Amino acid sequence: MRVSKKTVVLAGVAVFTILAVSV
């Protein structure tokens, strides 16, 4: 299963955003 760097970056940004909003 290959994951592109763009997908990893988008996922990281999404997680960071969720954490930032929840705090």
N, C-alpha and C. Protein backbone atom coordinates (compact mmCIF):
# COMPACT_ATOMS: atom_id res chain seq x y z
N MET A 1 0.85 -1.20 0.00
CA MET A 1 0.00 0.00 0.00
C MET A 1 0.89 1.24 0.00
N ARG A 2 0.90 1.96 -1.11
CA ARG A 2 1.72 3.16 -1.19
C ARG A 2 0.92 4.39 -0.80
N VAL A 3 1.51 5.22 0.00
CA VAL A 3 0.84 6.46 0.42
C VAL A 3 1.69 7.64 -0.05
N SER A 4 1.07 8.54 -0.77
CA SER A 4 1.82 9.70 -1.27
C SER A 4 2.12 10.67 -0.14
N LYS A 5 3.18 11.43 -0.32
CA LYS A 5 3.58 12.40 0.71
C LYS A 5 2.48 13.42 0.95
N LYS A 6 1.77 13.78 -0.12
CA LYS A 6 0.70 14.77 0.00
C LYS A 6 -0.39 14.26 0.93
N THR A 7 -0.71 12.97 0.83
CA THR A 7 -1.75 12.39 1.68
C THR A 7 -1.33 12.45 3.14
N VAL A 8 -0.06 12.13 3.40
CA VAL A 8 0.45 12.16 4.77
C VAL A 8 0.37 13.58 5.33
N VAL A 9 0.75 14.56 4.52
CA VAL A 9 0.73 15.96 4.96
C VAL A 9 -0.70 16.39 5.26
N LEU A 10 -1.63 16.06 4.36
CA LEU A 10 -3.03 16.44 4.56
C LEU A 10 -3.58 15.80 5.82
N ALA A 11 -3.25 14.54 6.04
CA ALA A 11 -3.72 13.83 7.23
C ALA A 11 -3.15 14.49 8.49
N GLY A 12 -1.88 14.85 8.45
CA GLY A 12 -1.25 15.50 9.59
C GLY A 12 -1.89 16.84 9.90
N VAL A 13 -2.16 17.61 8.86
CA VAL A 13 -2.81 18.91 9.04
C VAL A 13 -4.21 18.73 9.61
N ALA A 14 -4.93 17.73 9.12
CA ALA A 14 -6.30 17.48 9.60
C ALA A 14 -6.28 17.12 11.09
N VAL A 15 -5.38 16.24 11.48
CA VAL A 15 -5.28 15.84 12.89
C VAL A 15 -4.89 17.03 13.75
N PHE A 16 -3.91 17.81 13.29
CA PHE A 16 -3.47 18.98 14.04
C PHE A 16 -4.61 19.97 14.22
N THR A 17 -5.38 20.17 13.16
CA THR A 17 -6.51 21.10 13.22
C THR A 17 -7.55 20.63 14.23
N ILE A 18 -7.86 19.33 14.20
CA ILE A 18 -8.86 18.78 15.13
C ILE A 18 -8.38 18.96 16.57
N LEU A 19 -7.11 18.66 16.81
CA LEU A 19 -6.56 18.81 18.16
C LEU A 19 -6.60 20.28 18.59
N ALA A 20 -6.24 21.17 17.69
CA ALA A 20 -6.21 22.60 18.01
C ALA A 20 -7.61 23.10 18.34
N VAL A 21 -8.60 22.64 17.60
CA VAL A 21 -9.98 23.09 17.82
C VAL A 21 -10.53 22.50 19.12
N SER A 22 -10.19 21.24 19.40
CA SER A 22 -10.72 20.59 20.60
C SER A 22 -10.15 21.24 21.86
N VAL A 23 -8.98 21.85 21.74
CA VAL A 23 -8.36 22.51 22.89
C VAL A 23 -8.79 23.95 22.92
